[in-house]
Amino acid sequence: MSSNEHSIGDAIKLMLKRYQLDQKYAEYKAIHSWEKNMGPMIARHTKKLYIKDNKVFIHVDSAALRQELSFSKEKILAFINDEAGTELVKEVVLK
């Protein structure tokens, strides 16, 4: 490859960065991997999941599950940031 040629992956990363979409894409990847990382039972009880201001907000329909997830906050932070490829979130908020 010459100096102005890029792989498709590199070209997409450059485009996302140029149009300031890299943060939104990282959020998308992290949120859409929720079921894969947490399992179908937790995904089924998750009613709303979003990222705002370096926090991930998780709304679940079960108090028992909310309590269980509160013990796994570090694990949740780790997998979200791993999926995003950057330190996307610093706090987990359970509702």
PDB file of N, CA and C in Angstrom:
ATOM      1  N   MET A   1       0.837  -1.191   0.000  1.00  0.00           N
ATOM      2  CA  MET A   1       0.000   0.000   0.000  1.00  0.00           C
ATOM      3  C   MET A   1       0.874   1.244   0.000  1.00  0.00           C
ATOM      4  N   SER A   2       0.466   2.217  -0.754  1.00  0.00           N
ATOM      5  CA  SER A   2       1.201   3.476  -0.746  1.00  0.00           C
ATOM      6  C   SER A   2       0.771   4.294   0.471  1.00  0.00           C
ATOM      7  N   SER A   3       1.408   5.430   0.693  1.00  0.00           N
ATOM      8  CA  SER A   3       1.160   6.212   1.906  1.00  0.00           C
ATOM      9  C   SER A   3      -0.254   6.784   1.972  1.00  0.00           C
ATOM     10  N   ASN A   4      -0.935   6.930   0.835  1.00  0.00           N
ATOM     11  CA  ASN A   4      -2.285   7.489   0.887  1.00  0.00           C
ATOM     12  C   ASN A   4      -3.366   6.409   0.816  1.00  0.00           C
ATOM     13  N   GLU A   5      -2.966   5.150   0.813  1.00  0.00           N
ATOM     14  CA  GLU A   5      -3.927   4.063   0.815  1.00  0.00           C
ATOM     15  C   GLU A   5      -4.138   3.569   2.248  1.00  0.00           C
ATOM     16  N   HIS A   6      -5.383   3.246   2.568  1.00  0.00           N
ATOM     17  CA  HIS A   6      -5.728   2.756   3.900  1.00  0.00           C
ATOM     18  C   HIS A   6      -6.578   1.509   3.759  1.00  0.00           C
ATOM     19  N   SER A   7      -6.557   0.694   4.783  1.00  0.00           N
ATOM     20  CA  SER A   7      -7.483  -0.429   4.790  1.00  0.00           C
ATOM     21  C   SER A   7      -8.886   0.142   4.993  1.00  0.00           C
ATOM     22  N   ILE A   8      -9.890  -0.652   4.696  1.00  0.00           N
ATOM     23  CA  ILE A   8     -11.262  -0.184   4.860  1.00  0.00           C
ATOM     24  C   ILE A   8     -11.521   0.177   6.317  1.00  0.00           C
ATOM     25  N   GLY A   9     -11.036  -0.649   7.234  1.00  0.00           N
ATOM     26  CA  GLY A   9     -11.216  -0.366   8.663  1.00  0.00           C
ATOM     27  C   GLY A   9     -10.595   0.957   9.072  1.00  0.00           C
ATOM     28  N   ASP A  10      -9.371   1.213   8.589  1.00  0.00           N
ATOM     29  CA  ASP A  10      -8.707   2.479   8.905  1.00  0.00           C
ATOM     30  C   ASP A  10      -9.456   3.658   8.294  1.00  0.00           C
ATOM     31  N   ALA A  11      -9.963   3.479   7.082  1.00  0.00           N
ATOM     32  CA  ALA A  11     -10.710   4.548   6.424  1.00  0.00           C
ATOM     33  C   ALA A  11     -11.986   4.873   7.192  1.00  0.00           C
ATOM     34  N   ILE A  12     -12.661   3.837   7.684  1.00  0.00           N
ATOM     35  CA  ILE A  12     -13.890   4.065   8.462  1.00  0.00           C
ATOM     36  C   ILE A  12     -13.563   4.786   9.769  1.00  0.00           C
ATOM     37  N   LYS A  13     -12.486   4.362  10.443  1.00  0.00           N
ATOM     38  CA  LYS A  13     -12.080   5.033  11.685  1.00  0.00           C
ATOM     39  C   LYS A  13     -11.756   6.499  11.440  1.00  0.00           C
ATOM     40  N   LEU A  14     -11.047   6.776  10.345  1.00  0.00           N
ATOM     41  CA  LEU A  14     -10.728   8.170  10.006  1.00  0.00           C
ATOM     42  C   LEU A  14     -11.987   8.981   9.736  1.00  0.00           C
ATOM     43  N   MET A  15     -12.943   8.384   9.010  1.00  0.00           N
ATOM     44  CA  MET A  15     -14.183   9.084   8.701  1.00  0.00           C
ATOM     45  C   MET A  15     -14.965   9.372   9.989  1.00  0.00           C
ATOM     46  N   LEU A  16     -15.066   8.378  10.874  1.00  0.00           N
ATOM     47  CA  LEU A  16     -15.786   8.584  12.136  1.00  0.00           C
ATOM     48  C   LEU A  16     -15.141   9.694  12.954  1.00  0.00           C
ATOM     49  N   LYS A  17     -13.836   9.694  12.997  1.00  0.00           N
ATOM     50  CA  LYS A  17     -13.126  10.729  13.753  1.00  0.00           C
ATOM     51  C   LYS A  17     -13.313  12.108  13.106  1.00  0.00           C
ATOM     52  N   ARG A  18     -13.205  12.175  11.788  1.00  0.00           N
ATOM     53  CA  ARG A  18     -13.332  13.434  11.079  1.00  0.00           C
ATOM     54  C   ARG A  18     -14.711  14.066  11.282  1.00  0.00           C
ATOM     55  N   TYR A  19     -15.747  13.224  11.276  1.00  0.00           N
ATOM     56  CA  TYR A  19     -17.114  13.734  11.442  1.00  0.00           C
ATOM     57  C   TYR A  19     -17.577  13.685  12.895  1.00  0.00           C
ATOM     58  N   GLN A  20     -16.642  13.465  13.801  1.00  0.00           N
ATOM     59  CA  GLN A  20     -16.889  13.433  15.238  1.00  0.00           C
ATOM     60  C   GLN A  20     -18.001  12.448  15.611  1.00  0.00           C
ATOM     61  N   LEU A  21     -17.975  11.287  14.989  1.00  0.00           N
ATOM     62  CA  LEU A  21     -18.935  10.230  15.264  1.00  0.00           C
ATOM     63  C   LEU A  21     -18.310   9.072  16.026  1.00  0.00           C
ATOM     64  N   ASP A  22     -17.021   9.173  16.318  1.00  0.00           N
ATOM     65  CA  ASP A  22     -16.335   8.062  16.975  1.00  0.00           C
ATOM     66  C   ASP A  22     -16.891   7.786  18.373  1.00  0.00           C
ATOM     67  N   GLN A  23     -17.259   8.813  19.105  1.00  0.00           N
ATOM     68  CA  GLN A  23     -17.843   8.632  20.438  1.00  0.00           C
ATOM     69  C   GLN A  23     -19.207   7.934  20.344  1.00  0.00           C
ATOM     70  N   LYS A  24     -20.042   8.382  19.424  1.00  0.00           N
ATOM     71  CA  LYS A  24     -21.371   7.782  19.248  1.00  0.00           C
ATOM     72  C   LYS A  24     -21.250   6.332  18.789  1.00  0.00           C
ATOM     73  N   TYR A  25     -20.296   6.051  17.923  1.00  0.00           N
ATOM     74  CA  TYR A  25     -20.097   4.681  17.463  1.00  0.00           C
ATOM     75  C   TYR A  25     -19.643   3.785  18.618  1.00  0.00           C
ATOM     76  N   ALA A  26     -18.770   4.292  19.463  1.00  0.00           N
ATOM     77  CA  ALA A  26     -18.316   3.527  20.627  1.00  0.00           C
ATOM     78  C   ALA A  26     -19.493   3.237  21.564  1.00  0.00           C
ATOM     79  N   GLU A  27     -20.370   4.220  21.764  1.00  0.00           N
ATOM     80  CA  GLU A  27     -21.564   4.013  22.585  1.00  0.00           C
ATOM     81  C   GLU A  27     -22.462   2.948  21.968  1.00  0.00           C
ATOM     82  N   TYR A  28     -22.659   3.022  20.666  1.00  0.00           N
ATOM     83  CA  TYR A  28     -23.492   2.049  19.955  1.00  0.00           C
ATOM     84  C   TYR A  28     -22.952   0.630  20.149  1.00  0.00           C
ATOM     85  N   LYS A  29     -21.645   0.464  19.955  1.00  0.00           N
ATOM     86  CA  LYS A  29     -21.034  -0.859  20.113  1.00  0.00           C
ATOM     87  C   LYS A  29     -21.223  -1.393  21.524  1.00  0.00           C
ATOM     88  N   ALA A  30     -21.016  -0.545  22.501  1.00  0.00           N
ATOM     89  CA  ALA A  30     -21.114  -0.974  23.897  1.00  0.00           C
ATOM     90  C   ALA A  30     -22.546  -1.371  24.258  1.00  0.00           C
ATOM     91  N   ILE A  31     -23.511  -0.577  23.856  1.00  0.00           N
ATOM     92  CA  ILE A  31     -24.910  -0.851  24.192  1.00  0.00           C
ATOM     93  C   ILE A  31     -25.421  -2.090  23.467  1.00  0.00           C
ATOM     94  N   HIS A  32     -25.048  -2.239  22.216  1.00  0.00           N
ATOM     95  CA  HIS A  32     -25.546  -3.377  21.443  1.00  0.00           C
ATOM     96  C   HIS A  32     -24.832  -4.691  21.772  1.00  0.00           C
ATOM     97  N   SER A  33     -23.861  -4.647  22.648  1.00  0.00           N
ATOM     98  CA  SER A  33     -23.215  -5.886  23.094  1.00  0.00           C
ATOM     99  C   SER A  33     -23.733  -6.310  24.471  1.00  0.00           C
ATOM    100  N   TRP A  34     -24.725  -5.600  24.979  1.00  0.00           N
ATOM    101  CA  TRP A  34     -25.254  -5.862  26.323  1.00  0.00           C
ATOM    102  C   TRP A  34     -25.696  -7.317  26.496  1.00  0.00           C
ATOM    103  N   GLU A  35     -26.545  -7.802  25.598  1.00  0.00           N
ATOM    104  CA  GLU A  35     -27.051  -9.163  25.730  1.00  0.00           C
ATOM    105  C   GLU A  35     -25.925 -10.194  25.630  1.00  0.00           C
ATOM    106  N   LYS A  36     -25.005  -9.978  24.701  1.00  0.00           N
ATOM    107  CA  LYS A  36     -23.886 -10.908  24.521  1.00  0.00           C
ATOM    108  C   LYS A  36     -23.060 -11.015  25.806  1.00  0.00           C
ATOM    109  N   ASN A  37     -22.829  -9.896  26.467  1.00  0.00           N
ATOM    110  CA  ASN A  37     -21.978  -9.882  27.655  1.00  0.00           C
ATOM    111  C   ASN A  37     -22.707 -10.221  28.943  1.00  0.00           C
ATOM    112  N   MET A  38     -23.973  -9.853  29.049  1.00  0.00           N
ATOM    113  CA  MET A  38     -24.701 -10.049  30.298  1.00  0.00           C
ATOM    114  C   MET A  38     -25.640 -11.251  30.268  1.00  0.00           C
ATOM    115  N   GLY A  39     -25.949 -11.740  29.082  1.00  0.00           N
ATOM    116  CA  GLY A  39     -26.812 -12.906  28.965  1.00  0.00           C
ATOM    117  C   GLY A  39     -28.258 -12.527  28.664  1.00  0.00           C
ATOM    118  N   PRO A  40     -29.025 -13.489  28.129  1.00  0.00           N
ATOM    119  CA  PRO A  40     -30.395 -13.195  27.706  1.00  0.00           C
ATOM    120  C   PRO A  40     -31.350 -12.879  28.855  1.00  0.00           C
ATOM    121  N   MET A  41     -31.154 -13.474  30.025  1.00  0.00           N
ATOM    122  CA  MET A  41     -32.062 -13.206  31.144  1.00  0.00           C
ATOM    123  C   MET A  41     -31.950 -11.754  31.599  1.00  0.00           C
ATOM    124  N   ILE A  42     -30.744 -11.272  31.756  1.00  0.00           N
ATOM    125  CA  ILE A  42     -30.552  -9.879  32.176  1.00  0.00           C
ATOM    126  C   ILE A  42     -31.022  -8.938  31.071  1.00  0.00           C
ATOM    127  N   ALA A  43     -30.721  -9.261  29.835  1.00  0.00           N
ATOM    128  CA  ALA A  43     -31.163  -8.424  28.711  1.00  0.00           C
ATOM    129  C   ALA A  43     -32.686  -8.338  28.653  1.00  0.00           C
ATOM    130  N   ARG A  44     -33.359  -9.431  28.932  1.00  0.00           N
ATOM    131  CA  ARG A  44     -34.821  -9.464  28.895  1.00  0.00           C
ATOM    132  C   ARG A  44     -35.423  -8.542  29.961  1.00  0.00           C
ATOM    133  N   HIS A  45     -34.755  -8.419  31.104  1.00  0.00           N
ATOM    134  CA  HIS A  45     -35.253  -7.579  32.193  1.00  0.00           C
ATOM    135  C   HIS A  45     -34.719  -6.150  32.135  1.00  0.00           C
ATOM    136  N   THR A  46     -33.856  -5.866  31.180  1.00  0.00           N
ATOM    137  CA  THR A  46     -33.347  -4.514  30.992  1.00  0.00           C
ATOM    138  C   THR A  46     -34.334  -3.759  30.114  1.00  0.00           C
ATOM    139  N   LYS A  47     -34.918  -2.727  30.668  1.00  0.00           N
ATOM    140  CA  LYS A  47     -35.948  -1.980  29.943  1.00  0.00           C
ATOM    141  C   LYS A  47     -35.385  -0.762  29.211  1.00  0.00           C
ATOM    142  N   LYS A  48     -34.306  -0.223  29.714  1.00  0.00           N
ATOM    143  CA  LYS A  48     -33.689   0.942  29.074  1.00  0.00           C
ATOM    144  C   LYS A  48     -32.212   0.926  29.416  1.00  0.00           C
ATOM    145  N   LEU A  49     -31.398   1.266  28.434  1.00  0.00           N
ATOM    146  CA  LEU A  49     -29.948   1.267  28.607  1.00  0.00           C
ATOM    147  C   LEU A  49     -29.381   2.376  27.734  1.00  0.00           C
ATOM    148  N   TYR A  50     -28.693   3.341  28.355  1.00  0.00           N
ATOM    149  CA  TYR A  50     -28.095   4.421  27.574  1.00  0.00           C
ATOM    150  C   TYR A  50     -26.886   4.990  28.295  1.00  0.00           C
ATOM    151  N   ILE A  51     -26.089   5.724  27.532  1.00  0.00           N
ATOM    152  CA  ILE A  51     -24.869   6.335  28.060  1.00  0.00           C
ATOM    153  C   ILE A  51     -24.988   7.842  27.922  1.00  0.00           C
ATOM    154  N   LYS A  52     -24.687   8.528  29.013  1.00  0.00           N
ATOM    155  CA  LYS A  52     -24.731   9.995  29.005  1.00  0.00           C
ATOM    156  C   LYS A  52     -23.751  10.508  30.047  1.00  0.00           C
ATOM    157  N   ASP A  53     -22.958  11.477  29.687  1.00  0.00           N
ATOM    158  CA  ASP A  53     -22.008  12.127  30.607  1.00  0.00           C
ATOM    159  C   ASP A  53     -21.105  11.118  31.324  1.00  0.00           C
ATOM    160  N   ASN A  54     -20.529  10.206  30.572  1.00  0.00           N
ATOM    161  CA  ASN A  54     -19.608   9.187  31.098  1.00  0.00           C
ATOM    162  C   ASN A  54     -20.252   8.264  32.123  1.00  0.00           C
ATOM    163  N   LYS A  55     -21.576   8.130  32.060  1.00  0.00           N
ATOM    164  CA  LYS A  55     -22.307   7.217  32.942  1.00  0.00           C
ATOM    165  C   LYS A  55     -23.166   6.311  32.081  1.00  0.00           C
ATOM    166  N   VAL A  56     -23.284   5.041  32.493  1.00  0.00           N
ATOM    167  CA  VAL A  56     -24.210   4.132  31.833  1.00  0.00           C
ATOM    168  C   VAL A  56     -25.417   4.002  32.756  1.00  0.00           C
ATOM    169  N   PHE A  57     -26.594   4.260  32.206  1.00  0.00           N
ATOM    170  CA  PHE A  57     -27.844   4.174  32.949  1.00  0.00           C
ATOM    171  C   PHE A  57     -28.530   2.875  32.556  1.00  0.00           C
ATOM    172  N   ILE A  58     -28.851   2.067  33.548  1.00  0.00           N
ATOM    173  CA  ILE A  58     -29.453   0.759  33.324  1.00  0.00           C
ATOM    174  C   ILE A  58     -30.775   0.708  34.090  1.00  0.00           C
ATOM    175  N   HIS A  59     -31.875   0.614  33.366  1.00  0.00           N
ATOM    176  CA  HIS A  59     -33.196   0.501  33.971  1.00  0.00           C
ATOM    177  C   HIS A  59     -33.631  -0.954  33.865  1.00  0.00           C
ATOM    178  N   VAL A  60     -33.893  -1.582  34.994  1.00  0.00           N
ATOM    179  CA  VAL A  60     -34.350  -2.965  35.008  1.00  0.00           C
ATOM    180  C   VAL A  60     -35.704  -3.038  35.716  1.00  0.00           C
ATOM    181  N   ASP A  61     -36.466  -4.088  35.409  1.00  0.00           N
ATOM    182  CA  ASP A  61     -37.814  -4.223  35.956  1.00  0.00           C
ATOM    183  C   ASP A  61     -37.885  -5.118  37.181  1.00  0.00           C
ATOM    184  N   SER A  62     -36.756  -5.400  37.787  1.00  0.00           N
ATOM    185  CA  SER A  62     -36.718  -6.308  38.932  1.00  0.00           C
ATOM    186  C   SER A  62     -35.788  -5.740  40.007  1.00  0.00           C
ATOM    187  N   ALA A  63     -36.336  -5.563  41.200  1.00  0.00           N
ATOM    188  CA  ALA A  63     -35.525  -5.057  42.309  1.00  0.00           C
ATOM    189  C   ALA A  63     -34.408  -6.035  42.669  1.00  0.00           C
ATOM    190  N   ALA A  64     -34.714  -7.326  42.605  1.00  0.00           N
ATOM    191  CA  ALA A  64     -33.700  -8.336  42.917  1.00  0.00           C
ATOM    192  C   ALA A  64     -32.545  -8.283  41.912  1.00  0.00           C
ATOM    193  N   LEU A  65     -32.875  -8.128  40.635  1.00  0.00           N
ATOM    194  CA  LEU A  65     -31.832  -8.033  39.612  1.00  0.00           C
ATOM    195  C   LEU A  65     -31.029  -6.743  39.775  1.00  0.00           C
ATOM    196  N   ARG A  66     -31.706  -5.660  40.100  1.00  0.00           N
ATOM    197  CA  ARG A  66     -31.011  -4.385  40.328  1.00  0.00           C
ATOM    198  C   ARG A  66     -29.987  -4.550  41.448  1.00  0.00           C
ATOM    199  N   GLN A  67     -30.387  -5.231  42.517  1.00  0.00           N
ATOM    200  CA  GLN A  67     -29.482  -5.478  43.636  1.00  0.00           C
ATOM    201  C   GLN A  67     -28.300  -6.347  43.191  1.00  0.00           C
ATOM    202  N   GLU A  68     -28.579  -7.379  42.428  1.00  0.00           N
ATOM    203  CA  GLU A  68     -27.524  -8.265  41.929  1.00  0.00           C
ATOM    204  C   GLU A  68     -26.545  -7.510  41.030  1.00  0.00           C
ATOM    205  N   LEU A  69     -27.073  -6.668  40.157  1.00  0.00           N
ATOM    206  CA  LEU A  69     -26.211  -5.883  39.258  1.00  0.00           C
ATOM    207  C   LEU A  69     -25.366  -4.875  40.034  1.00  0.00           C
ATOM    208  N   SER A  70     -25.871  -4.406  41.163  1.00  0.00           N
ATOM    209  CA  SER A  70     -25.101  -3.438  41.948  1.00  0.00           C
ATOM    210  C   SER A  70     -23.788  -4.040  42.436  1.00  0.00           C
ATOM    211  N   PHE A  71     -23.756  -5.371  42.591  1.00  0.00           N
ATOM    212  CA  PHE A  71     -22.523  -6.047  42.997  1.00  0.00           C
ATOM    213  C   PHE A  71     -21.562  -6.251  41.821  1.00  0.00           C
ATOM    214  N   SER A  72     -22.043  -6.027  40.609  1.00  0.00           N
ATOM    215  CA  SER A  72     -21.246  -6.274  39.400  1.00  0.00           C
ATOM    216  C   SER A  72     -20.888  -4.995  38.652  1.00  0.00           C
ATOM    217  N   LYS A  73     -20.917  -3.862  39.320  1.00  0.00           N
ATOM    218  CA  LYS A  73     -20.662  -2.586  38.641  1.00  0.00           C
ATOM    219  C   LYS A  73     -19.290  -2.544  37.969  1.00  0.00           C
ATOM    220  N   GLU A  74     -18.272  -3.056  38.644  1.00  0.00           N
ATOM    221  CA  GLU A  74     -16.922  -3.042  38.064  1.00  0.00           C
ATOM    222  C   GLU A  74     -16.862  -3.897  36.798  1.00  0.00           C
ATOM    223  N   LYS A  75     -17.515  -5.046  36.836  1.00  0.00           N
ATOM    224  CA  LYS A  75     -17.560  -5.927  35.666  1.00  0.00           C
ATOM    225  C   LYS A  75     -18.279  -5.228  34.503  1.00  0.00           C
ATOM    226  N   ILE A  76     -19.377  -4.554  34.807  1.00  0.00           N
ATOM    227  CA  ILE A  76     -20.136  -3.836  33.780  1.00  0.00           C
ATOM    228  C   ILE A  76     -19.280  -2.733  33.163  1.00  0.00           C
ATOM    229  N   LEU A  77     -18.615  -1.954  34.007  1.00  0.00           N
ATOM    230  CA  LEU A  77     -17.727  -0.896  33.501  1.00  0.00           C
ATOM    231  C   LEU A  77     -16.650  -1.478  32.591  1.00  0.00           C
ATOM    232  N   ALA A  78     -16.053  -2.574  33.025  1.00  0.00           N
ATOM    233  CA  ALA A  78     -14.965  -3.188  32.262  1.00  0.00           C
ATOM    234  C   ALA A  78     -15.434  -3.656  30.896  1.00  0.00           C
ATOM    235  N   PHE A  79     -16.568  -4.361  30.823  1.00  0.00           N
ATOM    236  CA  PHE A  79     -16.982  -4.873  29.522  1.00  0.00           C
ATOM    237  C   PHE A  79     -17.452  -3.753  28.604  1.00  0.00           C
ATOM    238  N   ILE A  80     -18.109  -2.739  29.137  1.00  0.00           N
ATOM    239  CA  ILE A  80     -18.546  -1.627  28.282  1.00  0.00           C
ATOM    240  C   ILE A  80     -17.340  -0.904  27.706  1.00  0.00           C
ATOM    241  N   ASN A  81     -16.369  -0.611  28.541  1.00  0.00           N
ATOM    242  CA  ASN A  81     -15.175   0.086  28.060  1.00  0.00           C
ATOM    243  C   ASN A  81     -14.362  -0.783  27.112  1.00  0.00           C
ATOM    244  N   ASP A  82     -14.319  -2.093  27.349  1.00  0.00           N
ATOM    245  CA  ASP A  82     -13.625  -3.002  26.433  1.00  0.00           C
ATOM    246  C   ASP A  82     -14.307  -3.019  25.069  1.00  0.00           C
ATOM    247  N   GLU A  83     -15.624  -3.121  25.069  1.00  0.00           N
ATOM    248  CA  GLU A  83     -16.376  -3.135  23.804  1.00  0.00           C
ATOM    249  C   GLU A  83     -16.198  -1.828  23.056  1.00  0.00           C
ATOM    250  N   ALA A  84     -16.191  -0.715  23.783  1.00  0.00           N
ATOM    251  CA  ALA A  84     -16.060   0.596  23.153  1.00  0.00           C
ATOM    252  C   ALA A  84     -14.638   0.846  22.658  1.00  0.00           C
ATOM    253  N   GLY A  85     -13.670   0.184  23.257  1.00  0.00           N
ATOM    254  CA  GLY A  85     -12.279   0.396  22.872  1.00  0.00           C
ATOM    255  C   GLY A  85     -11.687   1.667  23.456  1.00  0.00           C
ATOM    256  N   THR A  86     -12.362   2.238  24.425  1.00  0.00           N
ATOM    257  CA  THR A  86     -11.915   3.462  25.075  1.00  0.00           C
ATOM    258  C   THR A  86     -12.589   3.551  26.438  1.00  0.00           C
ATOM    259  N   GLU A  87     -12.127   4.455  27.292  1.00  0.00           N
ATOM    260  CA  GLU A  87     -12.790   4.637  28.578  1.00  0.00           C
ATOM    261  C   GLU A  87     -14.031   5.496  28.365  1.00  0.00           C
ATOM    262  N   LEU A  88     -15.089   4.840  28.003  1.00  0.00           N
ATOM    263  CA  LEU A  88     -16.344   5.495  27.637  1.00  0.00           C
ATOM    264  C   LEU A  88     -17.156   5.878  28.867  1.00  0.00           C
ATOM    265  N   VAL A  89     -17.209   4.984  29.856  1.00  0.00           N
ATOM    266  CA  VAL A  89     -17.999   5.245  31.059  1.00  0.00           C
ATOM    267  C   VAL A  89     -17.140   5.101  32.300  1.00  0.00           C
ATOM    268  N   LYS A  90     -17.518   5.871  33.318  1.00  0.00           N
ATOM    269  CA  LYS A  90     -16.801   5.836  34.588  1.00  0.00           C
ATOM    270  C   LYS A  90     -17.709   5.470  35.751  1.00  0.00           C
ATOM    271  N   GLU A  91     -19.018   5.413  35.460  1.00  0.00           N
ATOM    272  CA  GLU A  91     -19.967   5.154  36.539  1.00  0.00           C
ATOM    273  C   GLU A  91     -21.163   4.366  35.996  1.00  0.00           C
ATOM    274  N   VAL A  92     -21.711   3.499  36.835  1.00  0.00           N
ATOM    275  CA  VAL A  92     -22.917   2.732  36.509  1.00  0.00           C
ATOM    276  C   VAL A  92     -24.040   3.249  37.397  1.00  0.00           C
ATOM    277  N   VAL A  93     -25.170   3.591  36.776  1.00  0.00           N
ATOM    278  CA  VAL A  93     -26.346   4.052  37.513  1.00  0.00           C
ATOM    279  C   VAL A  93     -27.463   3.050  37.258  1.00  0.00           C
ATOM    280  N   LEU A  94     -27.934   2.428  38.335  1.00  0.00           N
ATOM    281  CA  LEU A  94     -29.005   1.425  38.219  1.00  0.00           C
ATOM    282  C   LEU A  94     -30.326   2.045  38.666  1.00  0.00           C
ATOM    283  N   LYS A  95     -31.357   1.822  37.869  1.00  0.00           N
ATOM    284  CA  LYS A  95     -32.684   2.356  38.194  1.00  0.00           C
ATOM    285  C   LYS A  95     -33.707   1.267  38.034  1.00  0.00           C
TER     286      LYS A  95
END
